[in-house]
Amino acid sequence: MRNRKLIVVAGLVALAGVLRFATIDVQSYWYDEALTATLLRAPFGHMISELPRAELTPPLYYVLAWVWTRAFGSFEIGLRSFSAVAGVATIPVAYLVGRDLVGRRVGITLAALTACNPLLVWYSQEARPYALWV
């Protein structure tokens, strides 16, 4: 029984990955994403010094995304993939929260809702800190 539930959660993680990555490059950057890309293309020290003027969010996303862009690039797919990975990583966390608070069945339900929620999919496809916040 336990293995079957883990297989279901793994399937939900795979579904979340497909939903988040399938159309990640369909749209061009919008204004806030372009600002994120500009910040992340700068040298690390310059990016950190510009954050208080350019953003209201804490710097954790930008520090992690800066490292990510060095490996995967700072264009649509490379930069947005960081948010997509964060969004996919939310699924097992949702399962664990639901399981620990109520039970395995609720954990799976919460993971399924998190995997398929259109708003969470949308935010997982943006070069912004929203998916990491979740």
Protein backbone atom coordinates (compact mmCIF):
# COMPACT_ATOMS: atom_id res chain seq x y z
CA MET A 1 0.00 0.00 0.00
CA ARG A 2 2.78 2.43 0.90
CA ASN A 3 4.65 1.73 -2.34
CA ARG A 4 1.51 2.34 -4.37
CA LYS A 5 1.04 5.76 -2.78
CA LEU A 6 4.67 6.65 -3.51
CA ILE A 7 4.17 5.60 -7.12
CA VAL A 8 1.11 7.87 -7.30
CA VAL A 9 3.12 10.78 -5.86
CA ALA A 10 5.94 10.09 -8.34
CA GLY A 11 3.35 10.12 -11.14
CA LEU A 12 2.01 13.45 -9.90
CA VAL A 13 5.55 14.86 -9.85
CA ALA A 14 6.00 13.69 -13.46
CA LEU A 15 2.64 15.23 -14.43
CA ALA A 16 3.64 18.50 -12.76
CA GLY A 17 6.91 18.45 -14.73
CA VAL A 18 5.09 17.96 -18.01
CA LEU A 19 2.58 20.72 -17.25
CA ARG A 20 5.29 23.17 -16.24
CA PHE A 21 7.90 22.45 -18.92
CA ALA A 22 5.71 21.73 -21.97
CA THR A 23 4.91 25.37 -22.72
CA ILE A 24 7.66 27.15 -20.80
CA ASP A 25 8.95 28.96 -23.90
CA VAL A 26 5.66 29.90 -25.55
CA GLN A 27 5.58 33.51 -24.35
CA SER A 28 8.27 36.16 -24.54
CA TYR A 29 9.41 37.88 -21.38
CA TRP A 30 7.00 40.39 -19.94
CA TYR A 31 8.26 43.51 -18.14
CA ASP A 32 9.00 42.03 -14.69
CA GLU A 33 10.66 38.96 -16.19
CA ALA A 34 12.83 41.20 -18.39
CA LEU A 35 13.90 43.04 -15.25
CA THR A 36 14.74 39.71 -13.59
CA ALA A 37 16.76 38.65 -16.64
CA THR A 38 18.65 41.94 -16.67
CA LEU A 39 19.52 41.61 -12.99
CA LEU A 40 20.63 37.99 -13.37
CA ARG A 41 22.86 38.74 -16.36
CA ALA A 42 24.87 41.21 -14.28
CA PRO A 43 27.91 40.25 -12.19
CA PHE A 44 26.89 38.93 -8.77
CA GLY A 45 27.99 41.97 -6.75
CA HIS A 46 26.24 44.38 -9.10
CA MET A 47 23.05 42.31 -9.00
CA ILE A 48 23.03 42.30 -5.20
CA SER A 49 23.62 46.05 -5.03
CA GLU A 50 20.79 46.72 -7.53
CA LEU A 51 18.20 44.53 -5.81
CA PRO A 52 17.05 47.10 -3.21
CA ARG A 53 16.34 49.62 -5.98
CA ALA A 54 14.81 47.20 -8.47
CA GLU A 55 12.89 44.69 -6.34
CA LEU A 56 10.80 44.48 -3.21
CA THR A 57 11.37 40.76 -2.74
CA PRO A 58 14.04 39.17 -0.53
CA PRO A 59 17.27 38.25 -2.35
CA LEU A 60 17.13 34.44 -1.93
CA TYR A 61 15.48 33.85 -5.31
CA TYR A 62 17.99 36.10 -7.09
CA VAL A 63 21.01 34.49 -5.45
CA LEU A 64 19.82 30.98 -6.39
CA ALA A 65 18.65 32.02 -9.85
CA TRP A 66 21.95 33.80 -10.53
CA VAL A 67 23.80 30.52 -9.94
CA TRP A 68 21.18 28.65 -11.99
CA THR A 69 21.57 30.96 -14.97
CA ARG A 70 25.30 30.36 -15.03
CA ALA A 71 24.56 26.69 -15.74
CA PHE A 72 21.37 26.94 -17.84
CA GLY A 73 21.39 30.42 -19.39
CA SER A 74 19.35 33.55 -18.85
CA PHE A 75 16.97 33.34 -21.79
CA GLU A 76 13.35 32.15 -21.51
CA ILE A 77 13.87 28.42 -21.07
CA GLY A 78 17.02 28.59 -18.96
CA LEU A 79 15.76 31.23 -16.59
CA ARG A 80 12.18 30.00 -16.32
CA SER A 81 13.33 26.43 -15.74
CA PHE A 82 14.48 27.43 -12.24
CA SER A 83 10.91 28.38 -11.34
CA ALA A 84 9.59 25.24 -13.04
CA VAL A 85 11.89 23.03 -10.98
CA ALA A 86 10.80 24.86 -7.82
CA GLY A 87 7.17 24.31 -8.83
CA VAL A 88 7.72 20.61 -9.42
CA ALA A 89 9.53 20.29 -6.08
CA THR A 90 6.40 21.66 -4.41
CA ILE A 91 4.45 18.48 -5.19
CA PRO A 92 6.24 16.09 -2.80
CA VAL A 93 6.24 18.84 -0.16
CA ALA A 94 2.47 19.22 -0.54
CA TYR A 95 2.09 15.45 -0.18
CA LEU A 96 4.20 15.39 2.98
CA VAL A 97 2.31 18.31 4.52
CA GLY A 98 -1.07 16.71 3.83
CA ARG A 99 0.13 13.29 4.99
CA ASP A 100 1.61 14.61 8.22
CA LEU A 101 -1.33 16.85 9.09
CA VAL A 102 -4.20 14.51 8.19
CA GLY A 103 -3.19 11.32 6.39
CA ARG A 104 -1.87 9.75 3.18
CA ARG A 105 -5.11 10.15 1.24
CA VAL A 106 -5.22 13.89 1.97
CA GLY A 107 -1.52 14.11 1.10
CA ILE A 108 -2.17 12.60 -2.32
CA THR A 109 -5.17 14.86 -2.86
CA LEU A 110 -3.16 17.93 -1.93
CA ALA A 111 -0.29 16.83 -4.20
CA ALA A 112 -2.73 16.32 -7.10
CA LEU A 113 -4.31 19.73 -6.58
CA THR A 114 -0.87 21.34 -6.39
CA ALA A 115 0.35 19.54 -9.51
CA CYS A 116 -2.63 20.60 -11.63
CA ASN A 117 -3.52 24.01 -10.23
CA PRO A 118 -3.45 26.42 -13.20
CA LEU A 119 -2.21 29.34 -11.11
CA LEU A 120 0.67 27.30 -9.68
CA VAL A 121 1.55 26.06 -13.17
CA TRP A 122 1.48 29.65 -14.46
CA TYR A 123 3.74 30.95 -11.70
CA SER A 124 6.10 28.03 -12.23
CA GLN A 125 6.62 29.25 -15.78
CA GLU A 126 7.64 32.79 -14.88
CA ALA A 127 11.12 34.10 -14.25
CA ARG A 128 9.96 35.51 -10.93
CA PRO A 129 10.26 34.30 -7.30
CA TYR A 130 6.62 33.13 -6.93
CA ALA A 131 7.22 29.38 -7.36
CA LEU A 132 10.08 29.44 -4.89
CA TRP A 133 7.85 31.23 -2.34
CA VAL A 134 5.28 28.46 -2.59
